[in-house]
């Protein structure tokens, strides 16, 4: 796909693209522009919701993760320890969830992020 975009010459060179938008995988660039489907993100977290009873702060945290993924197409794990993810607890994800649940949330986010790199 990348080859097709730049070989025709109508869109500019790959170097011009990198200068304008940065050197990142095409999948990440596209996701940053269009985001993700909310239904797909809800499905990605459905098993987690089905296997736990969460309090309102935990639900709000996960919904914020989903919203961030939908809007931006990806989410850095470091963001889970920054505002607004630290609004409910100063330790972010680690303060709201046990270690096992925190690891599951991170794995879901990593899988979503990895799919953008593979595109």
PDB file of N, CA and C in Angstrom:
ATOM      1  N   UNK A   1       0.828  -1.191   0.000  1.00  0.00           N
ATOM      2  CA  UNK A   1       0.000   0.000   0.000  1.00  0.00           C
ATOM      3  C   UNK A   1       0.873   1.257   0.000  1.00  0.00           C
ATOM      4  N   UNK A   2       1.887   1.249   0.868  1.00  0.00           N
ATOM      5  CA  UNK A   2       2.772   2.409   0.940  1.00  0.00           C
ATOM      6  C   UNK A   2       3.442   2.652  -0.401  1.00  0.00           C
ATOM      7  N   UNK A   3       3.883   1.583  -1.039  1.00  0.00           N
ATOM      8  CA  UNK A   3       4.533   1.692  -2.349  1.00  0.00           C
ATOM      9  C   UNK A   3       3.596   2.328  -3.372  1.00  0.00           C
ATOM     10  N   UNK A   4       2.333   1.905  -3.364  1.00  0.00           N
ATOM     11  CA  UNK A   4       1.350   2.442  -4.307  1.00  0.00           C
ATOM     12  C   UNK A   4       1.137   3.931  -4.085  1.00  0.00           C
ATOM     13  N   UNK A   5       1.135   4.353  -2.854  1.00  0.00           N
ATOM     14  CA  UNK A   5       0.894   5.763  -2.551  1.00  0.00           C
ATOM     15  C   UNK A   5       1.985   6.676  -3.103  1.00  0.00           C
ATOM     16  N   UNK A   6       3.229   6.246  -2.974  1.00  0.00           N
ATOM     17  CA  UNK A   6       4.331   7.143  -3.286  1.00  0.00           C
ATOM     18  C   UNK A   6       4.907   6.958  -4.685  1.00  0.00           C
ATOM     19  N   UNK A   7       4.686   5.810  -5.316  1.00  0.00           N
ATOM     20  CA  UNK A   7       5.252   5.591  -6.644  1.00  0.00           C
ATOM     21  C   UNK A   7       4.530   6.375  -7.727  1.00  0.00           C
ATOM     22  N   UNK A   8       3.275   6.690  -7.527  1.00  0.00           N
ATOM     23  CA  UNK A   8       2.514   7.418  -8.535  1.00  0.00           C
ATOM     24  C   UNK A   8       2.931   8.876  -8.609  1.00  0.00           C
ATOM     25  N   UNK A   9       3.508   9.394  -7.559  1.00  0.00           N
ATOM     26  CA  UNK A   9       4.035  10.744  -7.571  1.00  0.00           C
ATOM     27  C   UNK A   9       3.025  11.860  -7.394  1.00  0.00           C
ATOM     28  N   UNK A  10       1.744  11.558  -7.415  1.00  0.00           N
ATOM     29  CA  UNK A  10       0.726  12.601  -7.311  1.00  0.00           C
ATOM     30  C   UNK A  10       0.577  13.121  -5.883  1.00  0.00           C
ATOM     31  N   UNK A  11       0.913  12.311  -4.923  1.00  0.00           N
ATOM     32  CA  UNK A  11       0.743  12.690  -3.523  1.00  0.00           C
ATOM     33  C   UNK A  11       2.022  13.248  -2.912  1.00  0.00           C
ATOM     34  N   UNK A  12       3.084  13.274  -3.670  1.00  0.00           N
ATOM     35  CA  UNK A  12       4.365  13.707  -3.137  1.00  0.00           C
ATOM     36  C   UNK A  12       5.238  12.507  -2.838  1.00  0.00           C
ATOM     37  N   UNK A  13       6.426  12.761  -2.381  1.00  0.00           N
ATOM     38  CA  UNK A  13       7.355  11.676  -2.081  1.00  0.00           C
ATOM     39  C   UNK A  13       7.172  11.199  -0.645  1.00  0.00           C
ATOM     40  N   UNK A  14       7.754  10.047  -0.376  1.00  0.00           N
ATOM     41  CA  UNK A  14       7.713   9.518   0.981  1.00  0.00           C
ATOM     42  C   UNK A  14       8.445  10.462   1.926  1.00  0.00           C
ATOM     43  N   UNK A  15       9.528  11.036   1.472  1.00  0.00           N
ATOM     44  CA  UNK A  15      10.294  11.972   2.291  1.00  0.00           C
ATOM     45  C   UNK A  15       9.462  13.205   2.655  1.00  0.00           C
ATOM     46  N   UNK A  16       8.683  13.702   1.703  1.00  0.00           N
ATOM     47  CA  UNK A  16       7.813  14.855   1.985  1.00  0.00           C
ATOM     48  C   UNK A  16       6.729  14.487   3.003  1.00  0.00           C
ATOM     49  N   UNK A  17       6.206  13.286   2.868  1.00  0.00           N
ATOM     50  CA  UNK A  17       5.198  12.798   3.805  1.00  0.00           C
ATOM     51  C   UNK A  17       5.784  12.724   5.217  1.00  0.00           C
ATOM     52  N   UNK A  18       6.976  12.137   5.336  1.00  0.00           N
ATOM     53  CA  UNK A  18       7.626  12.001   6.640  1.00  0.00           C
ATOM     54  C   UNK A  18       7.900  13.375   7.245  1.00  0.00           C
ATOM     55  N   UNK A  19       8.321  14.305   6.415  1.00  0.00           N
ATOM     56  CA  UNK A  19       8.594  15.652   6.907  1.00  0.00           C
ATOM     57  C   UNK A  19       7.321  16.305   7.457  1.00  0.00           C
ATOM     58  N   UNK A  20       6.205  16.081   6.794  1.00  0.00           N
ATOM     59  CA  UNK A  20       4.945  16.706   7.197  1.00  0.00           C
ATOM     60  C   UNK A  20       4.267  15.984   8.368  1.00  0.00           C
ATOM     61  N   UNK A  21       4.325  14.651   8.384  1.00  0.00           N
ATOM     62  CA  UNK A  21       3.536  13.894   9.354  1.00  0.00           C
ATOM     63  C   UNK A  21       4.350  13.020  10.298  1.00  0.00           C
ATOM     64  N   UNK A  22       5.651  12.950  10.106  1.00  0.00           N
ATOM     65  CA  UNK A  22       6.486  12.120  10.966  1.00  0.00           C
ATOM     66  C   UNK A  22       6.680  10.734  10.393  1.00  0.00           C
ATOM     67  N   UNK A  23       7.672  10.065  10.902  1.00  0.00           N
ATOM     68  CA  UNK A  23       8.013   8.717  10.440  1.00  0.00           C
ATOM     69  C   UNK A  23       7.342   7.695  11.342  1.00  0.00           C
ATOM     70  N   UNK A  24       6.133   7.303  10.975  1.00  0.00           N
ATOM     71  CA  UNK A  24       5.407   6.298  11.735  1.00  0.00           C
ATOM     72  C   UNK A  24       4.697   5.383  10.755  1.00  0.00           C
ATOM     73  N   UNK A  25       4.352   4.184  11.190  1.00  0.00           N
ATOM     74  CA  UNK A  25       3.664   3.253  10.293  1.00  0.00           C
ATOM     75  C   UNK A  25       2.374   3.863   9.733  1.00  0.00           C
ATOM     76  N   UNK A  26       2.059   3.500   8.516  1.00  0.00           N
ATOM     77  CA  UNK A  26       0.875   4.043   7.851  1.00  0.00           C
ATOM     78  C   UNK A  26      -0.402   3.764   8.641  1.00  0.00           C
ATOM     79  N   UNK A  27      -0.478   2.575   9.254  1.00  0.00           N
ATOM     80  CA  UNK A  27      -1.656   2.237  10.060  1.00  0.00           C
ATOM     81  C   UNK A  27      -1.848   3.188  11.224  1.00  0.00           C
ATOM     82  N   UNK A  28      -0.758   3.562  11.888  1.00  0.00           N
ATOM     83  CA  UNK A  28      -0.845   4.515  12.997  1.00  0.00           C
ATOM     84  C   UNK A  28      -1.266   5.887  12.496  1.00  0.00           C
ATOM     85  N   UNK A  29      -0.746   6.288  11.354  1.00  0.00           N
ATOM     86  CA  UNK A  29      -1.129   7.585  10.794  1.00  0.00           C
ATOM     87  C   UNK A  29      -2.624   7.613  10.484  1.00  0.00           C
ATOM     88  N   UNK A  30      -3.110   6.580   9.819  1.00  0.00           N
ATOM     89  CA  UNK A  30      -4.535   6.535   9.450  1.00  0.00           C
ATOM     90  C   UNK A  30      -5.401   6.546  10.697  1.00  0.00           C
ATOM     91  N   UNK A  31      -5.034   5.744  11.698  1.00  0.00           N
ATOM     92  CA  UNK A  31      -5.820   5.726  12.937  1.00  0.00           C
ATOM     93  C   UNK A  31      -5.815   7.075  13.634  1.00  0.00           C
ATOM     94  N   UNK A  32      -4.713   7.770  13.584  1.00  0.00           N
ATOM     95  CA  UNK A  32      -4.662   9.083  14.232  1.00  0.00           C
ATOM     96  C   UNK A  32      -5.598  10.062  13.545  1.00  0.00           C
ATOM     97  N   UNK A  33      -5.877   9.817  12.280  1.00  0.00           N
ATOM     98  CA  UNK A  33      -6.762  10.699  11.521  1.00  0.00           C
ATOM     99  C   UNK A  33      -8.236  10.325  11.678  1.00  0.00           C
ATOM    100  N   UNK A  34      -8.547   9.025  11.700  1.00  0.00           N
ATOM    101  CA  UNK A  34      -9.946   8.603  11.688  1.00  0.00           C
ATOM    102  C   UNK A  34     -10.419   7.937  12.975  1.00  0.00           C
ATOM    103  N   UNK A  35      -9.487   7.551  13.864  1.00  0.00           N
ATOM    104  CA  UNK A  35      -9.874   6.894  15.107  1.00  0.00           C
ATOM    105  C   UNK A  35     -10.323   5.463  14.869  1.00  0.00           C
ATOM    106  N   UNK A  36     -11.075   4.927  15.800  1.00  0.00           N
ATOM    107  CA  UNK A  36     -11.550   3.554  15.737  1.00  0.00           C
ATOM    108  C   UNK A  36     -13.055   3.502  15.960  1.00  0.00           C
ATOM    109  N   UNK A  37     -13.652   2.387  15.596  1.00  0.00           N
ATOM    110  CA  UNK A  37     -15.077   2.170  15.771  1.00  0.00           C
ATOM    111  C   UNK A  37     -15.389   1.889  17.240  1.00  0.00           C
ATOM    112  N   UNK A  38     -16.350   2.603  17.790  1.00  0.00           N
ATOM    113  CA  UNK A  38     -16.710   2.436  19.198  1.00  0.00           C
ATOM    114  C   UNK A  38     -17.212   1.022  19.477  1.00  0.00           C
ATOM    115  N   UNK A  39     -17.922   0.437  18.546  1.00  0.00           N
ATOM    116  CA  UNK A  39     -18.409  -0.933  18.728  1.00  0.00           C
ATOM    117  C   UNK A  39     -17.269  -1.932  18.840  1.00  0.00           C
ATOM    118  N   UNK A  40     -16.234  -1.741  18.023  1.00  0.00           N
ATOM    119  CA  UNK A  40     -15.071  -2.620  18.076  1.00  0.00           C
ATOM    120  C   UNK A  40     -14.346  -2.467  19.410  1.00  0.00           C
ATOM    121  N   UNK A  41     -14.268  -1.253  19.905  1.00  0.00           N
ATOM    122  CA  UNK A  41     -13.590  -1.039  21.188  1.00  0.00           C
ATOM    123  C   UNK A  41     -14.408  -1.588  22.346  1.00  0.00           C
ATOM    124  N   UNK A  42     -15.722  -1.446  22.293  1.00  0.00           N
ATOM    125  CA  UNK A  42     -16.565  -2.037  23.332  1.00  0.00           C
ATOM    126  C   UNK A  42     -16.419  -3.560  23.319  1.00  0.00           C
ATOM    127  N   UNK A  43     -16.332  -4.148  22.128  1.00  0.00           N
ATOM    128  CA  UNK A  43     -16.158  -5.589  22.011  1.00  0.00           C
ATOM    129  C   UNK A  43     -14.805  -6.015  22.584  1.00  0.00           C
ATOM    130  N   UNK A  44     -13.774  -5.209  22.363  1.00  0.00           N
ATOM    131  CA  UNK A  44     -12.447  -5.535  22.875  1.00  0.00           C
ATOM    132  C   UNK A  44     -12.437  -5.603  24.405  1.00  0.00           C
ATOM    133  N   UNK A  45     -13.265  -4.801  25.047  1.00  0.00           N
ATOM    134  CA  UNK A  45     -13.312  -4.772  26.515  1.00  0.00           C
ATOM    135  C   UNK A  45     -14.473  -5.589  27.087  1.00  0.00           C
ATOM    136  N   UNK A  46     -15.299  -6.200  26.240  1.00  0.00           N
ATOM    137  CA  UNK A  46     -16.492  -6.913  26.697  1.00  0.00           C
ATOM    138  C   UNK A  46     -16.169  -8.053  27.658  1.00  0.00           C
ATOM    139  N   UNK A  47     -15.139  -8.827  27.370  1.00  0.00           N
ATOM    140  CA  UNK A  47     -14.777  -9.950  28.235  1.00  0.00           C
ATOM    141  C   UNK A  47     -14.356  -9.461  29.620  1.00  0.00           C
ATOM    142  N   UNK A  48     -13.647  -8.354  29.637  1.00  0.00           N
ATOM    143  CA  UNK A  48     -13.228  -7.781  30.915  1.00  0.00           C
ATOM    144  C   UNK A  48     -14.447  -7.379  31.743  1.00  0.00           C
ATOM    145  N   UNK A  49     -15.417  -6.717  31.104  1.00  0.00           N
ATOM    146  CA  UNK A  49     -16.635  -6.317  31.813  1.00  0.00           C
ATOM    147  C   UNK A  49     -17.442  -7.531  32.254  1.00  0.00           C
ATOM    148  N   UNK A  50     -17.439  -8.575  31.438  1.00  0.00           N
ATOM    149  CA  UNK A  50     -18.226  -9.766  31.768  1.00  0.00           C
ATOM    150  C   UNK A  50     -17.636 -10.540  32.940  1.00  0.00           C
ATOM    151  N   UNK A  51     -16.337 -10.404  33.157  1.00  0.00           N
ATOM    152  CA  UNK A  51     -15.690 -11.205  34.188  1.00  0.00           C
ATOM    153  C   UNK A  51     -15.494 -10.471  35.517  1.00  0.00           C
ATOM    154  N   UNK A  52     -15.906  -9.202  35.589  1.00  0.00           N
ATOM    155  CA  UNK A  52     -15.714  -8.415  36.808  1.00  0.00           C
ATOM    156  C   UNK A  52     -16.950  -7.582  37.122  1.00  0.00           C
ATOM    157  N   UNK A  53     -17.074  -7.245  38.374  1.00  0.00           N
ATOM    158  CA  UNK A  53     -18.038  -6.239  38.798  1.00  0.00           C
ATOM    159  C   UNK A  53     -17.212  -5.020  39.185  1.00  0.00           C
ATOM    160  N   UNK A  54     -17.360  -3.952  38.427  1.00  0.00           N
ATOM    161  CA  UNK A  54     -16.576  -2.749  38.654  1.00  0.00           C
ATOM    162  C   UNK A  54     -17.402  -1.687  39.347  1.00  0.00           C
ATOM    163  N   UNK A  55     -16.744  -0.830  40.115  1.00  0.00           N
ATOM    164  CA  UNK A  55     -17.438   0.307  40.706  1.00  0.00           C
ATOM    165  C   UNK A  55     -17.519   1.431  39.665  1.00  0.00           C
ATOM    166  N   UNK A  56     -18.202   2.499  40.010  1.00  0.00           N
ATOM    167  CA  UNK A  56     -18.432   3.566  39.031  1.00  0.00           C
ATOM    168  C   UNK A  56     -17.139   4.224  38.570  1.00  0.00           C
ATOM    169  N   UNK A  57     -16.155   4.390  39.460  1.00  0.00           N
ATOM    170  CA  UNK A  57     -14.882   4.998  39.064  1.00  0.00           C
ATOM    171  C   UNK A  57     -14.129   4.099  38.089  1.00  0.00           C
ATOM    172  N   UNK A  58     -14.164   2.808  38.321  1.00  0.00           N
ATOM    173  CA  UNK A  58     -13.492   1.875  37.431  1.00  0.00           C
ATOM    174  C   UNK A  58     -14.167   1.847  36.057  1.00  0.00           C
ATOM    175  N   UNK A  59     -15.490   1.841  36.052  1.00  0.00           N
ATOM    176  CA  UNK A  59     -16.223   1.863  34.789  1.00  0.00           C
ATOM    177  C   UNK A  59     -15.908   3.141  34.018  1.00  0.00           C
ATOM    178  N   UNK A  60     -15.909   4.260  34.709  1.00  0.00           N
ATOM    179  CA  UNK A  60     -15.602   5.531  34.070  1.00  0.00           C
ATOM    180  C   UNK A  60     -14.182   5.521  33.499  1.00  0.00           C
ATOM    181  N   UNK A  61     -13.233   4.947  34.212  1.00  0.00           N
ATOM    182  CA  UNK A  61     -11.859   4.858  33.745  1.00  0.00           C
ATOM    183  C   UNK A  61     -11.794   4.060  32.444  1.00  0.00           C
ATOM    184  N   UNK A  62     -12.410   2.880  32.428  1.00  0.00           N
ATOM    185  CA  UNK A  62     -12.389   2.034  31.231  1.00  0.00           C
ATOM    186  C   UNK A  62     -13.104   2.723  30.079  1.00  0.00           C
ATOM    187  N   UNK A  63     -14.217   3.385  30.359  1.00  0.00           N
ATOM    188  CA  UNK A  63     -14.916   4.113  29.302  1.00  0.00           C
ATOM    189  C   UNK A  63     -14.043   5.237  28.741  1.00  0.00           C
ATOM    190  N   UNK A  64     -13.244   5.853  29.601  1.00  0.00           N
ATOM    191  CA  UNK A  64     -12.336   6.888  29.124  1.00  0.00           C
ATOM    192  C   UNK A  64     -11.243   6.281  28.241  1.00  0.00           C
ATOM    193  N   UNK A  65     -10.758   5.098  28.607  1.00  0.00           N
ATOM    194  CA  UNK A  65      -9.790   4.387  27.761  1.00  0.00           C
ATOM    195  C   UNK A  65     -10.409   4.117  26.395  1.00  0.00           C
ATOM    196  N   UNK A  66     -11.628   3.591  26.392  1.00  0.00           N
ATOM    197  CA  UNK A  66     -12.327   3.300  25.136  1.00  0.00           C
ATOM    198  C   UNK A  66     -12.493   4.572  24.321  1.00  0.00           C
ATOM    199  N   UNK A  67     -12.946   5.644  24.954  1.00  0.00           N
ATOM    200  CA  UNK A  67     -13.139   6.920  24.251  1.00  0.00           C
ATOM    201  C   UNK A  67     -11.823   7.414  23.653  1.00  0.00           C
ATOM    202  N   UNK A  68     -10.738   7.316  24.400  1.00  0.00           N
ATOM    203  CA  UNK A  68      -9.440   7.761  23.893  1.00  0.00           C
ATOM    204  C   UNK A  68      -9.008   6.938  22.691  1.00  0.00           C
ATOM    205  N   UNK A  69      -9.227   5.630  22.753  1.00  0.00           N
ATOM    206  CA  UNK A  69      -8.889   4.772  21.620  1.00  0.00           C
ATOM    207  C   UNK A  69      -9.748   5.089  20.404  1.00  0.00           C
ATOM    208  N   UNK A  70     -11.029   5.310  20.623  1.00  0.00           N
ATOM    209  CA  UNK A  70     -11.931   5.637  19.518  1.00  0.00           C
ATOM    210  C   UNK A  70     -11.515   6.956  18.868  1.00  0.00           C
ATOM    211  N   UNK A  71     -11.207   7.944  19.669  1.00  0.00           N
ATOM    212  CA  UNK A  71     -10.857   9.264  19.140  1.00  0.00           C
ATOM    213  C   UNK A  71      -9.485   9.298  18.473  1.00  0.00           C
ATOM    214  N   UNK A  72      -8.496   8.611  19.069  1.00  0.00           N
ATOM    215  CA  UNK A  72      -7.116   8.739  18.616  1.00  0.00           C
ATOM    216  C   UNK A  72      -6.572   7.518  17.880  1.00  0.00           C
ATOM    217  N   UNK A  73      -7.277   6.412  17.967  1.00  0.00           N
ATOM    218  CA  UNK A  73      -6.840   5.208  17.283  1.00  0.00           C
ATOM    219  C   UNK A  73      -5.784   4.405  18.016  1.00  0.00           C
ATOM    220  N   UNK A  74      -5.203   4.977  19.041  1.00  0.00           N
ATOM    221  CA  UNK A  74      -4.193   4.295  19.851  1.00  0.00           C
ATOM    222  C   UNK A  74      -4.061   5.032  21.173  1.00  0.00           C
ATOM    223  N   UNK A  75      -3.378   4.395  22.116  1.00  0.00           N
ATOM    224  CA  UNK A  75      -3.205   4.998  23.431  1.00  0.00           C
ATOM    225  C   UNK A  75      -1.893   4.497  24.018  1.00  0.00           C
ATOM    226  N   UNK A  76      -1.020   5.400  24.363  1.00  0.00           N
ATOM    227  CA  UNK A  76       0.236   5.027  25.009  1.00  0.00           C
ATOM    228  C   UNK A  76      -0.056   4.563  26.426  1.00  0.00           C
ATOM    229  N   UNK A  77       0.573   3.480  26.846  1.00  0.00           N
ATOM    230  CA  UNK A  77       0.357   2.966  28.204  1.00  0.00           C
ATOM    231  C   UNK A  77       0.765   3.989  29.255  1.00  0.00           C
ATOM    232  N   UNK A  78       1.723   4.823  28.956  1.00  0.00           N
ATOM    233  CA  UNK A  78       2.147   5.846  29.915  1.00  0.00           C
ATOM    234  C   UNK A  78       1.028   6.834  30.213  1.00  0.00           C
ATOM    235  N   UNK A  79       0.086   6.987  29.285  1.00  0.00           N
ATOM    236  CA  UNK A  79      -1.041   7.904  29.505  1.00  0.00           C
ATOM    237  C   UNK A  79      -1.925   7.448  30.654  1.00  0.00           C
ATOM    238  N   UNK A  80      -1.897   6.170  30.986  1.00  0.00           N
ATOM    239  CA  UNK A  80      -2.723   5.644  32.072  1.00  0.00           C
ATOM    240  C   UNK A  80      -2.281   6.152  33.436  1.00  0.00           C
ATOM    241  N   UNK A  81      -1.139   6.836  33.469  1.00  0.00           N
ATOM    242  CA  UNK A  81      -0.602   7.373  34.719  1.00  0.00           C
ATOM    243  C   UNK A  81      -0.546   8.894  34.685  1.00  0.00           C
ATOM    244  N   UNK A  82      -1.308   9.481  33.756  1.00  0.00           N
ATOM    245  CA  UNK A  82      -1.365  10.930  33.594  1.00  0.00           C
ATOM    246  C   UNK A  82      -2.821  11.370  33.591  1.00  0.00           C
ATOM    247  N   UNK A  83      -3.026  12.662  33.774  1.00  0.00           N
ATOM    248  CA  UNK A  83      -4.374  13.216  33.688  1.00  0.00           C
ATOM    249  C   UNK A  83      -4.873  13.055  32.254  1.00  0.00           C
ATOM    250  N   UNK A  84      -6.086  12.716  32.065  1.00  0.00           N
ATOM    251  CA  UNK A  84      -7.224  12.599  32.979  1.00  0.00           C
ATOM    252  C   UNK A  84      -7.364  11.218  33.627  1.00  0.00           C
ATOM    253  N   UNK A  85      -6.467  10.285  33.297  1.00  0.00           N
ATOM    254  CA  UNK A  85      -6.568   8.945  33.869  1.00  0.00           C
ATOM    255  C   UNK A  85      -6.229   8.908  35.355  1.00  0.00           C
ATOM    256  N   UNK A  86      -5.606   9.949  35.868  1.00  0.00           N
ATOM    257  CA  UNK A  86      -5.303  10.009  37.299  1.00  0.00           C
ATOM    258  C   UNK A  86      -6.331  10.840  38.071  1.00  0.00           C
ATOM    259  N   UNK A  87      -7.386  11.276  37.411  1.00  0.00           N
ATOM    260  CA  UNK A  87      -8.399  12.086  38.088  1.00  0.00           C
ATOM    261  C   UNK A  87      -9.115  11.317  39.201  1.00  0.00           C
ATOM    262  N   UNK A  88      -9.401  10.036  38.982  1.00  0.00           N
ATOM    263  CA  UNK A  88     -10.108   9.239  39.992  1.00  0.00           C
ATOM    264  C   UNK A  88      -9.164   8.720  41.073  1.00  0.00           C
ATOM    265  N   UNK A  89      -7.908   8.505  40.718  1.00  0.00           N
ATOM    266  CA  UNK A  89      -6.905   8.043  41.686  1.00  0.00           C
ATOM    267  C   UNK A  89      -5.544   8.522  41.221  1.00  0.00           C
ATOM    268  N   UNK A  90      -4.757   9.059  42.138  1.00  0.00           N
ATOM    269  CA  UNK A  90      -3.467   9.644  41.764  1.00  0.00           C
ATOM    270  C   UNK A  90      -2.499   8.642  41.145  1.00  0.00           C
ATOM    271  N   UNK A  91      -2.709   7.349  41.360  1.00  0.00           N
ATOM    272  CA  UNK A  91      -1.854   6.317  40.765  1.00  0.00           C
ATOM    273  C   UNK A  91      -2.411   5.776  39.456  1.00  0.00           C
ATOM    274  N   UNK A  92      -3.461   6.400  38.949  1.00  0.00           N
ATOM    275  CA  UNK A  92      -4.029   5.971  37.672  1.00  0.00           C
ATOM    276  C   UNK A  92      -4.559   4.557  37.723  1.00  0.00           C
ATOM    277  N   UNK A  93      -4.269   3.809  36.677  1.00  0.00           N
ATOM    278  CA  UNK A  93      -4.785   2.451  36.542  1.00  0.00           C
ATOM    279  C   UNK A  93      -4.369   1.568  37.714  1.00  0.00           C
ATOM    280  N   UNK A  94      -3.160   1.729  38.217  1.00  0.00           N
ATOM    281  CA  UNK A  94      -2.690   0.897  39.329  1.00  0.00           C
ATOM    282  C   UNK A  94      -3.452   1.161  40.622  1.00  0.00           C
ATOM    283  N   UNK A  95      -3.976   2.359  40.794  1.00  0.00           N
ATOM    284  CA  UNK A  95      -4.715   2.691  42.001  1.00  0.00           C
ATOM    285  C   UNK A  95      -6.167   2.260  41.968  1.00  0.00           C
ATOM    286  N   UNK A  96      -6.695   2.035  40.783  1.00  0.00           N
ATOM    287  CA  UNK A  96      -8.110   1.672  40.655  1.00  0.00           C
ATOM    288  C   UNK A  96      -8.353   0.173  40.513  1.00  0.00           C
ATOM    289  N   UNK A  97      -7.346  -0.552  40.028  1.00  0.00           N
ATOM    290  CA  UNK A  97      -7.537  -1.968  39.726  1.00  0.00           C
ATOM    291  C   UNK A  97      -6.442  -2.804  40.384  1.00  0.00           C
ATOM    292  N   UNK A  98      -6.756  -4.081  40.605  1.00  0.00           N
ATOM    293  CA  UNK A  98      -5.727  -4.987  41.106  1.00  0.00           C
ATOM    294  C   UNK A  98      -4.734  -5.280  39.974  1.00  0.00           C
ATOM    295  N   UNK A  99      -3.631  -5.925  40.317  1.00  0.00           N
ATOM    296  CA  UNK A  99      -2.553  -6.152  39.349  1.00  0.00           C
ATOM    297  C   UNK A  99      -3.009  -6.984  38.146  1.00  0.00           C
ATOM    298  N   UNK A 100      -3.846  -7.976  38.384  1.00  0.00           N
ATOM    299  CA  UNK A 100      -4.313  -8.831  37.290  1.00  0.00           C
ATOM    300  C   UNK A 100      -5.182  -8.055  36.317  1.00  0.00           C
ATOM    301  N   UNK A 101      -6.097  -7.261  36.832  1.00  0.00           N
ATOM    302  CA  UNK A 101      -6.980  -6.473  35.973  1.00  0.00           C
ATOM    303  C   UNK A 101      -6.197  -5.394  35.248  1.00  0.00           C
ATOM    304  N   UNK A 102      -5.256  -4.758  35.945  1.00  0.00           N
ATOM    305  CA  UNK A 102      -4.402  -3.755  35.307  1.00  0.00           C
ATOM    306  C   UNK A 102      -3.657  -4.375  34.128  1.00  0.00           C
ATOM    307  N   UNK A 103      -3.114  -5.561  34.329  1.00  0.00           N
ATOM    308  CA  UNK A 103      -2.393  -6.245  33.248  1.00  0.00           C
ATOM    309  C   UNK A 103      -3.310  -6.556  32.074  1.00  0.00           C
ATOM    310  N   UNK A 104      -4.549  -6.957  32.357  1.00  0.00           N
ATOM    311  CA  UNK A 104      -5.510  -7.248  31.274  1.00  0.00           C
ATOM    312  C   UNK A 104      -5.842  -5.982  30.484  1.00  0.00           C
ATOM    313  N   UNK A 105      -6.055  -4.874  31.185  1.00  0.00           N
ATOM    314  CA  UNK A 105      -6.349  -3.604  30.509  1.00  0.00           C
ATOM    315  C   UNK A 105      -5.183  -3.223  29.613  1.00  0.00           C
ATOM    316  N   UNK A 106      -3.978  -3.341  30.132  1.00  0.00           N
ATOM    317  CA  UNK A 106      -2.789  -2.996  29.344  1.00  0.00           C
ATOM    318  C   UNK A 106      -2.643  -3.905  28.130  1.00  0.00           C
ATOM    319  N   UNK A 107      -2.929  -5.200  28.287  1.00  0.00           N
ATOM    320  CA  UNK A 107      -2.828  -6.127  27.150  1.00  0.00           C
ATOM    321  C   UNK A 107      -3.823  -5.772  26.057  1.00  0.00           C
ATOM    322  N   UNK A 108      -5.026  -5.379  26.444  1.00  0.00           N
ATOM    323  CA  UNK A 108      -6.028  -4.980  25.444  1.00  0.00           C
ATOM    324  C   UNK A 108      -5.534  -3.759  24.682  1.00  0.00           C
ATOM    325  N   UNK A 109      -5.044  -2.769  25.402  1.00  0.00           N
ATOM    326  CA  UNK A 109      -4.537  -1.548  24.762  1.00  0.00           C
ATOM    327  C   UNK A 109      -3.352  -1.882  23.859  1.00  0.00           C
ATOM    328  N   UNK A 110      -2.432  -2.723  24.335  1.00  0.00           N
ATOM    329  CA  UNK A 110      -1.281  -3.115  23.517  1.00  0.00           C
ATOM    330  C   UNK A 110      -1.719  -3.824  22.243  1.00  0.00           C
ATOM    331  N   UNK A 111      -2.738  -4.672  22.332  1.00  0.00           N
ATOM    332  CA  UNK A 111      -3.238  -5.377  21.144  1.00  0.00           C
ATOM    333  C   UNK A 111      -3.821  -4.387  20.140  1.00  0.00           C
ATOM    334  N   UNK A 112      -4.584  -3.437  20.629  1.00  0.00           N
ATOM    335  CA  UNK A 112      -5.150  -2.404  19.741  1.00  0.00           C
ATOM    336  C   UNK A 112      -4.028  -1.599  19.088  1.00  0.00           C
ATOM    337  N   UNK A 113      -3.054  -1.193  19.891  1.00  0.00           N
ATOM    338  CA  UNK A 113      -1.920  -0.428  19.349  1.00  0.00           C
ATOM    339  C   UNK A 113      -1.134  -1.259  18.338  1.00  0.00           C
ATOM    340  N   UNK A 114      -0.934  -2.540  18.630  1.00  0.00           N
ATOM    341  CA  UNK A 114      -0.176  -3.405  17.725  1.00  0.00           C
ATOM    342  C   UNK A 114      -0.890  -3.553  16.369  1.00  0.00           C
ATOM    343  N   UNK A 115      -2.199  -3.613  16.402  1.00  0.00           N
ATOM    344  CA  UNK A 115      -2.951  -3.730  15.149  1.00  0.00           C
ATOM    345  C   UNK A 115      -2.710  -2.536  14.243  1.00  0.00           C
ATOM    346  N   UNK A 116      -2.485  -1.380  14.807  1.00  0.00           N
ATOM    347  CA  UNK A 116      -2.187  -0.193  13.992  1.00  0.00           C
ATOM    348  C   UNK A 116      -0.806  -0.316  13.363  1.00  0.00           C
ATOM    349  N   UNK A 117       0.134  -0.903  14.074  1.00  0.00           N
ATOM    350  CA  UNK A 117       1.490  -1.061  13.540  1.00  0.00           C
ATOM    351  C   UNK A 117       1.512  -2.091  12.439  1.00  0.00           C
ATOM    352  N   UNK A 118       0.645  -3.102  12.535  1.00  0.00           N
ATOM    353  CA  UNK A 118       0.634  -4.177  11.551  1.00  0.00           C
ATOM    354  C   UNK A 118      -0.043  -3.765  10.251  1.00  0.00           C
ATOM    355  N   UNK A 119      -0.842  -2.715  10.311  1.00  0.00           N
ATOM    356  CA  UNK A 119      -1.581  -2.287   9.118  1.00  0.00           C
ATOM    357  C   UNK A 119      -0.664  -1.675   8.085  1.00  0.00           C
TER     358      UNK A 119
END
